[in-house]
C-alpha atoms as a PDB file:
ATOM      1  CA  UNK A   1      53.646  69.180 -13.906  1.00  0.00           C
ATOM      2  CA  UNK A   2      53.858  65.405 -14.128  1.00  0.00           C
ATOM      3  CA  UNK A   3      57.437  64.439 -14.936  1.00  0.00           C
ATOM      4  CA  UNK A   4      59.807  61.670 -13.948  1.00  0.00           C
ATOM      5  CA  UNK A   5      62.015  62.107 -10.916  1.00  0.00           C
ATOM      6  CA  UNK A   6      65.323  60.264 -10.890  1.00  0.00           C
ATOM      7  CA  UNK A   7      67.714  62.392  -8.858  1.00  0.00           C
ATOM      8  CA  UNK A   8      67.734  63.634  -5.293  1.00  0.00           C
ATOM      9  CA  UNK A   9      65.962  66.983  -5.172  1.00  0.00           C
ATOM     10  CA  UNK A  10      67.115  68.053  -1.727  1.00  0.00           C
ATOM     11  CA  UNK A  11      68.438  66.398   1.439  1.00  0.00           C
ATOM     12  CA  UNK A  12      65.840  64.678   3.595  1.00  0.00           C
ATOM     13  CA  UNK A  13      65.206  66.020   7.093  1.00  0.00           C
ATOM     14  CA  UNK A  14      67.645  64.565   9.618  1.00  0.00           C
ATOM     15  CA  UNK A  15      64.819  63.057  11.652  1.00  0.00           C
ATOM     16  CA  UNK A  16      63.631  61.110   8.607  1.00  0.00           C
ATOM     17  CA  UNK A  17      60.160  61.065   7.047  1.00  0.00           C
ATOM     18  CA  UNK A  18      57.010  60.308   9.011  1.00  0.00           C
ATOM     19  CA  UNK A  19      54.937  57.629   7.311  1.00  0.00           C
ATOM     20  CA  UNK A  20      51.152  57.786   7.328  1.00  0.00           C
ATOM     21  CA  UNK A  21      48.464  55.450   6.017  1.00  0.00           C
ATOM     22  CA  UNK A  22      44.704  55.924   5.772  1.00  0.00           C
ATOM     23  CA  UNK A  23      43.224  52.538   6.507  1.00  0.00           C
ATOM     24  CA  UNK A  24      39.897  50.877   7.126  1.00  0.00           C
ATOM     25  CA  UNK A  25      38.815  47.304   6.601  1.00  0.00           C
ATOM     26  CA  UNK A  26      35.581  48.691   5.140  1.00  0.00           C
ATOM     27  CA  UNK A  27      35.844  49.720   1.504  1.00  0.00           C
ATOM     28  CA  UNK A  28      33.916  52.545  -0.132  1.00  0.00           C
ATOM     29  CA  UNK A  29      34.650  55.183   2.533  1.00  0.00           C
ATOM     30  CA  UNK A  30      36.453  57.543   0.157  1.00  0.00           C
ATOM     31  CA  UNK A  31      39.921  56.571   1.352  1.00  0.00           C
ATOM     32  CA  UNK A  32      41.761  57.062  -1.937  1.00  0.00           C
ATOM     33  CA  UNK A  33      40.130  60.418  -2.702  1.00  0.00           C
ATOM     34  CA  UNK A  34      40.913  61.555   0.820  1.00  0.00           C
ATOM     35  CA  UNK A  35      44.552  60.408   0.510  1.00  0.00           C
ATOM     36  CA  UNK A  36      44.995  62.200  -2.821  1.00  0.00           C
ATOM     37  CA  UNK A  37      43.518  65.467  -1.578  1.00  0.00           C
ATOM     38  CA  UNK A  38      45.457  65.379   1.692  1.00  0.00           C
ATOM     39  CA  UNK A  39      48.720  64.808  -0.173  1.00  0.00           C
ATOM     40  CA  UNK A  40      48.122  67.916  -2.275  1.00  0.00           C
ATOM     41  CA  UNK A  41      47.141  69.967   0.769  1.00  0.00           C
ATOM     42  CA  UNK A  42      50.218  68.806   2.739  1.00  0.00           C
ATOM     43  CA  UNK A  43      52.334  70.072  -0.160  1.00  0.00           C
ATOM     44  CA  UNK A  44      50.383  73.348  -0.252  1.00  0.00           C
ATOM     45  CA  UNK A  45      51.175  73.801   3.432  1.00  0.00           C
ATOM     46  CA  UNK A  46      54.882  73.539   2.750  1.00  0.00           C
ATOM     47  CA  UNK A  47      55.626  69.864   3.383  1.00  0.00           C
ATOM     48  CA  UNK A  48      57.385  67.761   0.778  1.00  0.00           C
ATOM     49  CA  UNK A  49      55.373  64.581   0.273  1.00  0.00           C
ATOM     50  CA  UNK A  50      56.165  61.164  -1.215  1.00  0.00           C
ATOM     51  CA  UNK A  51      52.924  59.450  -2.221  1.00  0.00           C
ATOM     52  CA  UNK A  52      53.155  55.661  -2.701  1.00  0.00           C
ATOM     53  CA  UNK A  53      50.340  53.661  -4.298  1.00  0.00           C
ATOM     54  CA  UNK A  54      50.415  50.289  -2.523  1.00  0.00           C
ATOM     55  CA  UNK A  55      46.922  49.170  -3.523  1.00  0.00           C
ATOM     56  CA  UNK A  56      47.059  46.656  -6.415  1.00  0.00           C
ATOM     57  CA  UNK A  57      43.806  48.184  -7.702  1.00  0.00           C
ATOM     58  CA  UNK A  58      45.809  51.383  -8.474  1.00  0.00           C
ATOM     59  CA  UNK A  59      42.917  53.766  -7.886  1.00  0.00           C
ATOM     60  CA  UNK A  60      45.242  56.459  -6.560  1.00  0.00           C
ATOM     61  CA  UNK A  61      47.506  56.247  -9.602  1.00  0.00           C
ATOM     62  CA  UNK A  62      44.501  56.420 -11.937  1.00  0.00           C
ATOM     63  CA  UNK A  63      43.268  59.472 -10.026  1.00  0.00           C
ATOM     64  CA  UNK A  64      46.649  61.207 -10.207  1.00  0.00           C
ATOM     65  CA  UNK A  65      47.785  60.438 -13.772  1.00  0.00           C
ATOM     66  CA  UNK A  66      46.098  60.664 -17.176  1.00  0.00           C
ATOM     67  CA  UNK A  67      45.580  57.335 -18.890  1.00  0.00           C
ATOM     68  CA  UNK A  68      48.181  57.904 -21.627  1.00  0.00           C
ATOM     69  CA  UNK A  69      50.892  58.541 -19.054  1.00  0.00           C
ATOM     70  CA  UNK A  70      49.832  55.546 -16.979  1.00  0.00           C
ATOM     71  CA  UNK A  71      49.911  53.340 -20.084  1.00  0.00           C
ATOM     72  CA  UNK A  72      53.423  54.558 -20.886  1.00  0.00           C
ATOM     73  CA  UNK A  73      54.617  53.787 -17.355  1.00  0.00           C
ATOM     74  CA  UNK A  74      53.108  50.306 -17.320  1.00  0.00           C
ATOM     75  CA  UNK A  75      54.508  49.494 -20.777  1.00  0.00           C
ATOM     76  CA  UNK A  76      58.003  50.590 -19.757  1.00  0.00           C
ATOM     77  CA  UNK A  77      60.064  47.463 -19.085  1.00  0.00           C
ATOM     78  CA  UNK A  78      62.803  49.300 -17.176  1.00  0.00           C
ATOM     79  CA  UNK A  79      62.937  48.613 -13.424  1.00  0.00           C
ATOM     80  CA  UNK A  80      61.680  51.086 -10.868  1.00  0.00           C
ATOM     81  CA  UNK A  81      58.785  52.725 -12.732  1.00  0.00           C
ATOM     82  CA  UNK A  82      56.136  51.239 -10.400  1.00  0.00           C
ATOM     83  CA  UNK A  83      56.002  49.741  -6.914  1.00  0.00           C
ATOM     84  CA  UNK A  84      55.659  46.241  -8.378  1.00  0.00           C
ATOM     85  CA  UNK A  85      58.657  46.772 -10.669  1.00  0.00           C
ATOM     86  CA  UNK A  86      60.722  47.940  -7.696  1.00  0.00           C
ATOM     87  CA  UNK A  87      60.041  44.785  -5.650  1.00  0.00           C
ATOM     88  CA  UNK A  88      60.064  42.261  -8.511  1.00  0.00           C
ATOM     89  CA  UNK A  89      63.610  40.991  -7.883  1.00  0.00           C
ATOM     90  CA  UNK A  90      62.776  40.556  -4.206  1.00  0.00           C
ATOM     91  CA  UNK A  91      59.572  38.713  -5.099  1.00  0.00           C
ATOM     92  CA  UNK A  92      61.327  36.139  -7.264  1.00  0.00           C
ATOM     93  CA  UNK A  93      64.314  35.832  -4.917  1.00  0.00           C
ATOM     94  CA  UNK A  94      66.896  37.182  -7.343  1.00  0.00           C
ATOM     95  CA  UNK A  95      68.176  40.377  -5.773  1.00  0.00           C
ATOM     96  CA  UNK A  96      67.260  43.574  -4.003  1.00  0.00           C
ATOM     97  CA  UNK A  97      64.976  46.506  -4.718  1.00  0.00           C
ATOM     98  CA  UNK A  98      65.228  48.485  -7.938  1.00  0.00           C
ATOM     99  CA  UNK A  99      65.737  52.227  -7.546  1.00  0.00           C
ATOM    100  CA  UNK A 100      62.310  53.920  -7.665  1.00  0.00           C
ATOM    101  CA  UNK A 101      61.485  56.337 -10.479  1.00  0.00           C
ATOM    102  CA  UNK A 102      58.592  58.515  -9.376  1.00  0.00           C
ATOM    103  CA  UNK A 103      56.487  61.228 -10.983  1.00  0.00           C
ATOM    104  CA  UNK A 104      56.292  64.852  -9.887  1.00  0.00           C
ATOM    105  CA  UNK A 105      52.602  65.712  -9.516  1.00  0.00           C
ATOM    106  CA  UNK A 106      53.038  69.253  -8.184  1.00  0.00           C
ATOM    107  CA  UNK A 107      55.539  71.348  -6.281  1.00  0.00           C
ATOM    108  CA  UNK A 108      56.729  69.239  -3.324  1.00  0.00           C
ATOM    109  CA  UNK A 109      54.520  66.272  -4.267  1.00  0.00           C
ATOM    110  CA  UNK A 110      55.790  63.049  -5.845  1.00  0.00           C
ATOM    111  CA  UNK A 111      54.124  59.748  -6.682  1.00  0.00           C
ATOM    112  CA  UNK A 112      55.517  56.239  -6.993  1.00  0.00           C
ATOM    113  CA  UNK A 113      52.819  54.673  -9.212  1.00  0.00           C
ATOM    114  CA  UNK A 114      50.948  51.497  -8.438  1.00  0.00           C
ATOM    115  CA  UNK A 115      50.693  48.395 -10.580  1.00  0.00           C
ATOM    116  CA  UNK A 116      48.188  45.533 -10.663  1.00  0.00           C
ATOM    117  CA  UNK A 117      51.157  43.142 -10.568  1.00  0.00           C
ATOM    118  CA  UNK A 118      51.824  44.085  -6.951  1.00  0.00           C
ATOM    119  CA  UNK A 119      49.146  41.552  -5.964  1.00  0.00           C
ATOM    120  CA  UNK A 120      51.635  38.808  -6.893  1.00  0.00           C
ATOM    121  CA  UNK A 121      53.911  39.944  -4.065  1.00  0.00           C
ATOM    122  CA  UNK A 122      51.297  39.097  -1.448  1.00  0.00           C
ATOM    123  CA  UNK A 123      51.743  35.328  -1.613  1.00  0.00           C
ATOM    124  CA  UNK A 124      55.506  35.718  -1.133  1.00  0.00           C
ATOM    125  CA  UNK A 125      54.943  37.966   1.877  1.00  0.00           C
ATOM    126  CA  UNK A 126      52.525  35.428   3.353  1.00  0.00           C
ATOM    127  CA  UNK A 127      55.054  32.589   2.955  1.00  0.00           C
ATOM    128  CA  UNK A 128      57.948  34.510   4.467  1.00  0.00           C
ATOM    129  CA  UNK A 129      56.166  36.045   7.459  1.00  0.00           C
ATOM    130  CA  UNK A 130      56.331  32.902   9.693  1.00  0.00           C
ATOM    131  CA  UNK A 131      60.002  32.467   8.791  1.00  0.00           C
ATOM    132  CA  UNK A 132      61.111  35.732  10.432  1.00  0.00           C
ATOM    133  CA  UNK A 133      60.914  33.875  13.756  1.00  0.00           C
ATOM    134  CA  UNK A 134      63.231  31.126  12.527  1.00  0.00           C
ATOM    135  CA  UNK A 135      66.944  31.061  13.321  1.00  0.00           C
ATOM    136  CA  UNK A 136      67.787  31.474   9.644  1.00  0.00           C
ATOM    137  CA  UNK A 137      65.625  34.548   9.058  1.00  0.00           C
ATOM    138  CA  UNK A 138      67.690  36.705   6.698  1.00  0.00           C
ATOM    139  CA  UNK A 139      65.723  35.956   3.534  1.00  0.00           C
ATOM    140  CA  UNK A 140      62.352  36.320   5.259  1.00  0.00           C
ATOM    141  CA  UNK A 141      63.400  39.633   6.763  1.00  0.00           C
ATOM    142  CA  UNK A 142      64.613  40.818   3.359  1.00  0.00           C
ATOM    143  CA  UNK A 143      61.156  40.161   1.884  1.00  0.00           C
ATOM    144  CA  UNK A 144      58.978  41.348   4.771  1.00  0.00           C
ATOM    145  CA  UNK A 145      60.771  44.705   5.064  1.00  0.00           C
ATOM    146  CA  UNK A 146      60.951  45.350   1.301  1.00  0.00           C
ATOM    147  CA  UNK A 147      58.078  47.850   1.155  1.00  0.00           C
ATOM    148  CA  UNK A 148      59.400  49.772   4.151  1.00  0.00           C
ATOM    149  CA  UNK A 149      62.862  50.004   2.579  1.00  0.00           C
ATOM    150  CA  UNK A 150      61.363  51.006  -0.766  1.00  0.00           C
ATOM    151  CA  UNK A 151      59.299  53.790   0.782  1.00  0.00           C
ATOM    152  CA  UNK A 152      62.316  55.189   2.619  1.00  0.00           C
ATOM    153  CA  UNK A 153      64.413  55.021  -0.569  1.00  0.00           C
ATOM    154  CA  UNK A 154      61.747  56.961  -2.481  1.00  0.00           C
ATOM    155  CA  UNK A 155      61.418  59.546   0.289  1.00  0.00           C
ATOM    156  CA  UNK A 156      65.183  60.033   0.342  1.00  0.00           C
ATOM    157  CA  UNK A 157      65.268  60.353  -3.419  1.00  0.00           C
ATOM    158  CA  UNK A 158      62.845  63.277  -3.457  1.00  0.00           C
ATOM    159  CA  UNK A 159      63.743  64.722  -0.053  1.00  0.00           C
ATOM    160  CA  UNK A 160      60.285  64.102   1.393  1.00  0.00           C
ATOM    161  CA  UNK A 161      59.289  64.843   4.963  1.00  0.00           C
ATOM    162  CA  UNK A 162      56.089  62.812   4.775  1.00  0.00           C
ATOM    163  CA  UNK A 163      55.404  59.384   3.285  1.00  0.00           C
ATOM    164  CA  UNK A 164      51.739  58.838   2.485  1.00  0.00           C
ATOM    165  CA  UNK A 165      50.530  55.361   1.497  1.00  0.00           C
ATOM    166  CA  UNK A 166      47.359  54.333  -0.279  1.00  0.00           C
ATOM    167  CA  UNK A 167      46.214  50.788   0.491  1.00  0.00           C
ATOM    168  CA  UNK A 168      43.301  48.481  -0.143  1.00  0.00           C
ATOM    169  CA  UNK A 169      40.795  47.479   2.561  1.00  0.00           C
ATOM    170  CA  UNK A 170      42.061  43.929   3.133  1.00  0.00           C
ATOM    171  CA  UNK A 171      43.721  42.448   6.216  1.00  0.00           C
ATOM    172  CA  UNK A 172      46.123  40.299   4.189  1.00  0.00           C
ATOM    173  CA  UNK A 173      49.894  39.946   4.130  1.00  0.00           C
ATOM    174  CA  UNK A 174      50.400  42.898   1.784  1.00  0.00           C
ATOM    175  CA  UNK A 175      48.653  45.390   4.057  1.00  0.00           C
ATOM    176  CA  UNK A 176      50.404  43.910   7.082  1.00  0.00           C
ATOM    177  CA  UNK A 177      53.770  44.718   5.497  1.00  0.00           C
ATOM    178  CA  UNK A 178      52.555  48.223   4.645  1.00  0.00           C
ATOM    179  CA  UNK A 179      51.256  48.893   8.146  1.00  0.00           C
ATOM    180  CA  UNK A 180      54.605  47.720   9.549  1.00  0.00           C
ATOM    181  CA  UNK A 181      56.138  50.559   7.523  1.00  0.00           C
ATOM    182  CA  UNK A 182      53.735  53.145   8.968  1.00  0.00           C
ATOM    183  CA  UNK A 183      54.334  55.478  11.871  1.00  0.00           C
ATOM    184  CA  UNK A 184      50.711  56.569  12.031  1.00  0.00           C
ATOM    185  CA  UNK A 185      47.247  55.434  10.960  1.00  0.00           C
ATOM    186  CA  UNK A 186      44.190  57.562  10.196  1.00  0.00           C
ATOM    187  CA  UNK A 187      40.859  55.756   9.873  1.00  0.00           C
ATOM    188  CA  UNK A 188      38.342  57.150   7.351  1.00  0.00           C
ATOM    189  CA  UNK A 189      34.775  56.433   8.447  1.00  0.00           C
ATOM    190  CA  UNK A 190      31.238  56.787   7.297  1.00  0.00           C
ATOM    191  CA  UNK A 191      28.525  56.899   9.974  1.00  0.00           C
ATOM    192  CA  UNK A 192      27.127  53.450   9.254  1.00  0.00           C
ATOM    193  CA  UNK A 193      27.146  49.918  10.619  1.00  0.00           C
ATOM    194  CA  UNK A 194      29.818  48.655   8.217  1.00  0.00           C
ATOM    195  CA  UNK A 195      32.388  51.313   9.131  1.00  0.00           C
ATOM    196  CA  UNK A 196      31.900  50.638  12.826  1.00  0.00           C
ATOM    197  CA  UNK A 197      32.277  46.923  12.214  1.00  0.00           C
ATOM    198  CA  UNK A 198      35.456  47.658  10.270  1.00  0.00           C
ATOM    199  CA  UNK A 199      36.878  49.466  13.304  1.00  0.00           C
ATOM    200  CA  UNK A 200      36.847  46.208  15.249  1.00  0.00           C
ATOM    201  CA  UNK A 201      38.914  44.490  12.569  1.00  0.00           C
ATOM    202  CA  UNK A 202      41.327  47.425  12.293  1.00  0.00           C
ATOM    203  CA  UNK A 203      41.965  47.522  16.040  1.00  0.00           C
ATOM    204  CA  UNK A 204      42.514  43.780  16.333  1.00  0.00           C
ATOM    205  CA  UNK A 205      44.830  43.706  13.324  1.00  0.00           C
ATOM    206  CA  UNK A 206      46.941  46.650  14.499  1.00  0.00           C
ATOM    207  CA  UNK A 207      47.507  45.127  17.920  1.00  0.00           C
ATOM    208  CA  UNK A 208      48.241  41.654  16.560  1.00  0.00           C
ATOM    209  CA  UNK A 209      50.645  42.819  13.829  1.00  0.00           C
ATOM    210  CA  UNK A 210      52.452  45.222  16.119  1.00  0.00           C
ATOM    211  CA  UNK A 211      52.885  42.609  18.857  1.00  0.00           C
ATOM    212  CA  UNK A 212      54.027  39.924  16.389  1.00  0.00           C
ATOM    213  CA  UNK A 213      56.558  42.277  14.818  1.00  0.00           C
ATOM    214  CA  UNK A 214      57.939  43.405  18.165  1.00  0.00           C
ATOM    215  CA  UNK A 215      58.338  39.777  19.260  1.00  0.00           C
ATOM    216  CA  UNK A 216      60.134  38.923  16.018  1.00  0.00           C
ATOM    217  CA  UNK A 217      62.283  42.061  16.167  1.00  0.00           C
ATOM    218  CA  UNK A 218      63.499  41.333  19.694  1.00  0.00           C
ATOM    219  CA  UNK A 219      64.230  37.713  18.826  1.00  0.00           C
ATOM    220  CA  UNK A 220      66.246  38.758  15.761  1.00  0.00           C
ATOM    221  CA  UNK A 221      68.272  41.273  17.784  1.00  0.00           C
ATOM    222  CA  UNK A 222      68.929  38.711  20.513  1.00  0.00           C
ATOM    223  CA  UNK A 223      70.014  36.145  17.925  1.00  0.00           C
ATOM    224  CA  UNK A 224      72.468  38.612  16.384  1.00  0.00           C
ATOM    225  CA  UNK A 225      73.893  39.443  19.794  1.00  0.00           C
ATOM    226  CA  UNK A 226      74.246  35.769  20.703  1.00  0.00           C
ATOM    227  CA  UNK A 227      76.092  35.055  17.468  1.00  0.00           C
ATOM    228  CA  UNK A 228      78.147  38.238  17.872  1.00  0.00           C
ATOM    229  CA  UNK A 229      76.914  39.594  14.571  1.00  0.00           C
ATOM    230  CA  UNK A 230      76.186  43.264  13.717  1.00  0.00           C
ATOM    231  CA  UNK A 231      72.782  44.377  14.931  1.00  0.00           C
ATOM    232  CA  UNK A 232      70.388  44.567  11.949  1.00  0.00           C
ATOM    233  CA  UNK A 233      68.626  47.853  11.322  1.00  0.00           C
ATOM    234  CA  UNK A 234      64.971  47.054  11.935  1.00  0.00           C
ATOM    235  CA  UNK A 235      61.962  49.332  11.757  1.00  0.00           C
ATOM    236  CA  UNK A 236      60.578  50.513  15.074  1.00  0.00           C
ATOM    237  CA  UNK A 237      57.395  51.970  13.646  1.00  0.00           C
ATOM    238  CA  UNK A 238      54.342  51.269  15.775  1.00  0.00           C
ATOM    239  CA  UNK A 239      51.323  52.144  13.639  1.00  0.00           C
ATOM    240  CA  UNK A 240      49.923  54.650  16.118  1.00  0.00           C
ATOM    241  CA  UNK A 241      46.310  55.679  15.438  1.00  0.00           C
ATOM    242  CA  UNK A 242      46.176  59.463  15.119  1.00  0.00           C
ATOM    243  CA  UNK A 243      42.397  59.418  14.954  1.00  0.00           C
ATOM    244  CA  UNK A 244      39.565  59.180  12.465  1.00  0.00           C
ATOM    245  CA  UNK A 245      37.918  61.268   9.763  1.00  0.00           C
ATOM    246  CA  UNK A 246      34.145  61.169   9.347  1.00  0.00           C
ATOM    247  CA  UNK A 247      33.009  61.528   5.765  1.00  0.00           C
ATOM    248  CA  UNK A 248      29.359  62.374   5.339  1.00  0.00           C
ATOM    249  CA  UNK A 249      27.789  60.351   2.567  1.00  0.00           C
ATOM    250  CA  UNK A 250      24.693  61.332   0.656  1.00  0.00           C
ATOM    251  CA  UNK A 251      21.427  60.039   2.086  1.00  0.00           C
ATOM    252  CA  UNK A 252      20.346  56.705   0.679  1.00  0.00           C
ATOM    253  CA  UNK A 253      16.737  56.879  -0.371  1.00  0.00           C
ATOM    254  CA  UNK A 254      14.520  57.913   2.555  1.00  0.00           C
ATOM    255  CA  UNK A 255      16.973  56.797   5.235  1.00  0.00           C
ATOM    256  CA  UNK A 256      15.903  58.681   8.371  1.00  0.00           C
ATOM    257  CA  UNK A 257      18.247  61.268   9.845  1.00  0.00           C
ATOM    258  CA  UNK A 258      18.090  59.580  13.233  1.00  0.00           C
ATOM    259  CA  UNK A 259      19.659  56.400  11.782  1.00  0.00           C
ATOM    260  CA  UNK A 260      22.603  58.488  10.590  1.00  0.00           C
ATOM    261  CA  UNK A 261      22.842  60.164  14.005  1.00  0.00           C
ATOM    262  CA  UNK A 262      22.663  56.799  15.743  1.00  0.00           C
ATOM    263  CA  UNK A 263      25.807  55.502  14.048  1.00  0.00           C
ATOM    264  CA  UNK A 264      27.549  58.852  14.417  1.00  0.00           C
ATOM    265  CA  UNK A 265      26.971  58.804  18.176  1.00  0.00           C
ATOM    266  CA  UNK A 266      28.635  55.389  18.493  1.00  0.00           C
ATOM    267  CA  UNK A 267      31.908  56.325  16.790  1.00  0.00           C
ATOM    268  CA  UNK A 268      33.822  57.799  19.780  1.00  0.00           C
ATOM    269  CA  UNK A 269      33.164  54.778  21.998  1.00  0.00           C
ATOM    270  CA  UNK A 270      33.841  52.302  19.209  1.00  0.00           C
ATOM    271  CA  UNK A 271      37.144  53.964  18.252  1.00  0.00           C
ATOM    272  CA  UNK A 272      38.266  54.137  21.883  1.00  0.00           C
ATOM    273  CA  UNK A 273      37.482  50.502  22.649  1.00  0.00           C
ATOM    274  CA  UNK A 274      38.219  48.789  19.331  1.00  0.00           C
ATOM    275  CA  UNK A 275      41.252  50.750  18.123  1.00  0.00           C
ATOM    276  CA  UNK A 276      42.791  52.354  21.214  1.00  0.00           C
ATOM    277  CA  UNK A 277      42.025  49.487  23.574  1.00  0.00           C
ATOM    278  CA  UNK A 278      40.450  51.823  26.124  1.00  0.00           C
ATOM    279  CA  UNK A 279      37.516  50.849  28.288  1.00  0.00           C
ATOM    280  CA  UNK A 280      35.441  53.869  27.282  1.00  0.00           C
ATOM    281  CA  UNK A 281      35.568  57.202  25.515  1.00  0.00           C
ATOM    282  CA  UNK A 282      35.399  60.421  27.514  1.00  0.00           C
ATOM    283  CA  UNK A 283      33.820  62.217  24.556  1.00  0.00           C
ATOM    284  CA  UNK A 284      30.064  62.568  24.477  1.00  0.00           C
ATOM    285  CA  UNK A 285      29.921  63.366  20.762  1.00  0.00           C
ATOM    286  CA  UNK A 286      32.091  63.162  17.669  1.00  0.00           C
ATOM    287  CA  UNK A 287      32.473  66.935  17.725  1.00  0.00           C
ATOM    288  CA  UNK A 288      34.021  66.777  21.227  1.00  0.00           C
ATOM    289  CA  UNK A 289      36.181  63.715  20.591  1.00  0.00           C
ATOM    290  CA  UNK A 290      39.921  64.615  20.404  1.00  0.00           C
ATOM    291  CA  UNK A 291      40.437  61.641  18.101  1.00  0.00           C
ATOM    292  CA  UNK A 292      38.038  63.099  15.515  1.00  0.00           C
ATOM    293  CA  UNK A 293      40.465  64.791  13.135  1.00  0.00           C
ATOM    294  CA  UNK A 294      37.824  66.210  10.870  1.00  0.00           C
ATOM    295  CA  UNK A 295      34.283  65.985   9.564  1.00  0.00           C
ATOM    296  CA  UNK A 296      34.033  66.240   5.782  1.00  0.00           C
ATOM    297  CA  UNK A 297      30.854  67.084   3.973  1.00  0.00           C
ATOM    298  CA  UNK A 298      30.048  65.327   0.737  1.00  0.00           C
ATOM    299  CA  UNK A 299      31.479  67.084  -2.327  1.00  0.00           C
ATOM    300  CA  UNK A 300      29.542  64.941  -4.785  1.00  0.00           C
ATOM    301  CA  UNK A 301      29.211  67.498  -7.582  1.00  0.00           C
ATOM    302  CA  UNK A 302      32.990  68.084  -7.678  1.00  0.00           C
ATOM    303  CA  UNK A 303      34.214  64.479  -7.565  1.00  0.00           C
ATOM    304  CA  UNK A 304      33.682  63.586 -11.260  1.00  0.00           C
ATOM    305  CA  UNK A 305      35.256  66.900 -12.313  1.00  0.00           C
ATOM    306  CA  UNK A 306      38.291  66.234 -10.116  1.00  0.00           C
ATOM    307  CA  UNK A 307      38.650  62.708 -11.473  1.00  0.00           C
ATOM    308  CA  UNK A 308      38.548  63.926 -15.065  1.00  0.00           C
ATOM    309  CA  UNK A 309      41.042  66.728 -14.401  1.00  0.00           C
ATOM    310  CA  UNK A 310      43.330  64.610 -12.172  1.00  0.00           C
ATOM    311  CA  UNK A 311      43.246  67.434  -9.645  1.00  0.00           C
ATOM    312  CA  UNK A 312      42.350  67.799  -5.970  1.00  0.00           C
ATOM    313  CA  UNK A 313      38.894  69.178  -5.274  1.00  0.00           C
ATOM    314  CA  UNK A 314      40.195  72.540  -4.099  1.00  0.00           C
ATOM    315  CA  UNK A 315      42.136  73.270  -7.305  1.00  0.00           C
ATOM    316  CA  UNK A 316      39.201  72.932  -9.664  1.00  0.00           C
ATOM    317  CA  UNK A 317      38.389  75.969 -11.790  1.00  0.00           C
ATOM    318  CA  UNK A 318      36.147  77.088 -14.650  1.00  0.00           C
ATOM    319  CA  UNK A 319      38.380  75.318 -17.190  1.00  0.00           C
ATOM    320  CA  UNK A 320      37.629  72.040 -15.368  1.00  0.00           C
ATOM    321  CA  UNK A 321      33.871  72.562 -15.623  1.00  0.00           C
ATOM    322  CA  UNK A 322      33.137  74.398 -12.360  1.00  0.00           C
ATOM    323  CA  UNK A 323      30.057  76.594 -12.670  1.00  0.00           C
ATOM    324  CA  UNK A 324      27.659  78.530 -10.475  1.00  0.00           C
ATOM    325  CA  UNK A 325      27.322  77.376  -6.884  1.00  0.00           C
ATOM    326  CA  UNK A 326      30.129  74.852  -7.381  1.00  0.00           C
ATOM    327  CA  UNK A 327      32.595  77.682  -6.728  1.00  0.00           C
ATOM    328  CA  UNK A 328      31.249  77.842  -3.185  1.00  0.00           C
ATOM    329  CA  UNK A 329      31.712  74.086  -2.880  1.00  0.00           C
ATOM    330  CA  UNK A 330      35.341  74.448  -4.022  1.00  0.00           C
ATOM    331  CA  UNK A 331      35.848  77.100  -1.350  1.00  0.00           C
ATOM    332  CA  UNK A 332      34.328  74.832   1.308  1.00  0.00           C
ATOM    333  CA  UNK A 333      36.543  71.961   0.182  1.00  0.00           C
ATOM    334  CA  UNK A 334      39.612  74.197   0.410  1.00  0.00           C
ATOM    335  CA  UNK A 335      38.802  75.233   3.968  1.00  0.00           C
ATOM    336  CA  UNK A 336      37.879  71.698   5.079  1.00  0.00           C
ATOM    337  CA  UNK A 337      41.018  70.056   3.713  1.00  0.00           C
ATOM    338  CA  UNK A 338      43.273  72.818   4.987  1.00  0.00           C
ATOM    339  CA  UNK A 339      41.879  72.367   8.506  1.00  0.00           C
ATOM    340  CA  UNK A 340      42.135  68.573   8.312  1.00  0.00           C
ATOM    341  CA  UNK A 341      45.663  68.586   6.897  1.00  0.00           C
ATOM    342  CA  UNK A 342      46.844  71.092   9.510  1.00  0.00           C
ATOM    343  CA  UNK A 343      45.424  68.951  12.316  1.00  0.00           C
ATOM    344  CA  UNK A 344      47.075  65.788  11.014  1.00  0.00           C
ATOM    345  CA  UNK A 345      50.425  67.546  10.493  1.00  0.00           C
ATOM    346  CA  UNK A 346      50.411  68.936  14.035  1.00  0.00           C
ATOM    347  CA  UNK A 347      49.920  65.434  15.408  1.00  0.00           C
ATOM    348  CA  UNK A 348      52.527  63.915  13.143  1.00  0.00           C
ATOM    349  CA  UNK A 349      55.045  66.517  14.281  1.00  0.00           C
ATOM    350  CA  UNK A 350      54.793  65.391  17.916  1.00  0.00           C
ATOM    351  CA  UNK A 351      54.395  61.710  17.156  1.00  0.00           C
ATOM    352  CA  UNK A 352      56.581  59.516  19.344  1.00  0.00           C
ATOM    353  CA  UNK A 353      57.616  55.993  18.524  1.00  0.00           C
ATOM    354  CA  UNK A 354      56.024  54.222  21.491  1.00  0.00           C
ATOM    355  CA  UNK A 355      53.607  51.299  21.249  1.00  0.00           C
ATOM    356  CA  UNK A 356      49.903  51.638  21.899  1.00  0.00           C
ATOM    357  CA  UNK A 357      48.570  50.497  25.216  1.00  0.00           C
ATOM    358  CA  UNK A 358      46.526  47.353  24.867  1.00  0.00           C
END
């Protein structure tokens, strides 16, 4: 059921949507597939979800929509059909956001499609970011908060309780603006050197962006008070790390098991020190670490089938090409994603808007 959504489906929860992003500076950790499957499972568990593709590579949109529908959306010149179309007037300095027009992927699940043209917005974000500290900051603030305002508008349009963003692996201005719109961050990991190295970059970036935004936000509020102007409504999201998800990749050649175990054993300490800013982790293993949200086995045989069917792994059936022992793999995927989604939802429900301790 992939149709356009233009009107409000139901009122949004009074507390507003919680926004979540899966983010790692290391690419190739299955982030987009994980985001897509989690979004479907959140909806299965009774939460209304607004899924926003904020990666200019548009992998999430390509995973969710058949090519003919994606081509129709991208060829449509009307405003609001993609993220890039929604922010275009802001990008060129000629107005505000266009009203988003999303797609209904399933019951309680809606997508605002991505667009390769979103990459053009990054240079504008980079130019305006230093200007939010200036006395005349209105235009810069209008640009820097555009993606946050767009996400909230889309969530309100469809009555979503959860905003789920898909992003690329970069640490550029575009992802900074997206993270500033995020209440919570989940880090997908593979047990390897590159993922652990990426944790260092993620932790440093989160602390730097959060501190810079809080400094700018306080200065803007003080300036408004000094000039006796109305207090601007500014985001107080703090990008709190909920934890990490370990995704087991297939063995590469004759890579010894102990090399895999070596990197796995380092994850709790690395996450505690690099992302949480703690001196050490109290967990001896990943399995005992409270910040380990889940451990996903590799579902390699199902991935191409899911991509072709534009379905989550746990909804694949015989008509999609599932045969033999793959039914057992579908059942394992269902259980794994249900457990992971339930864990993340329970933490989102009690999430407070307080900054991380450095």
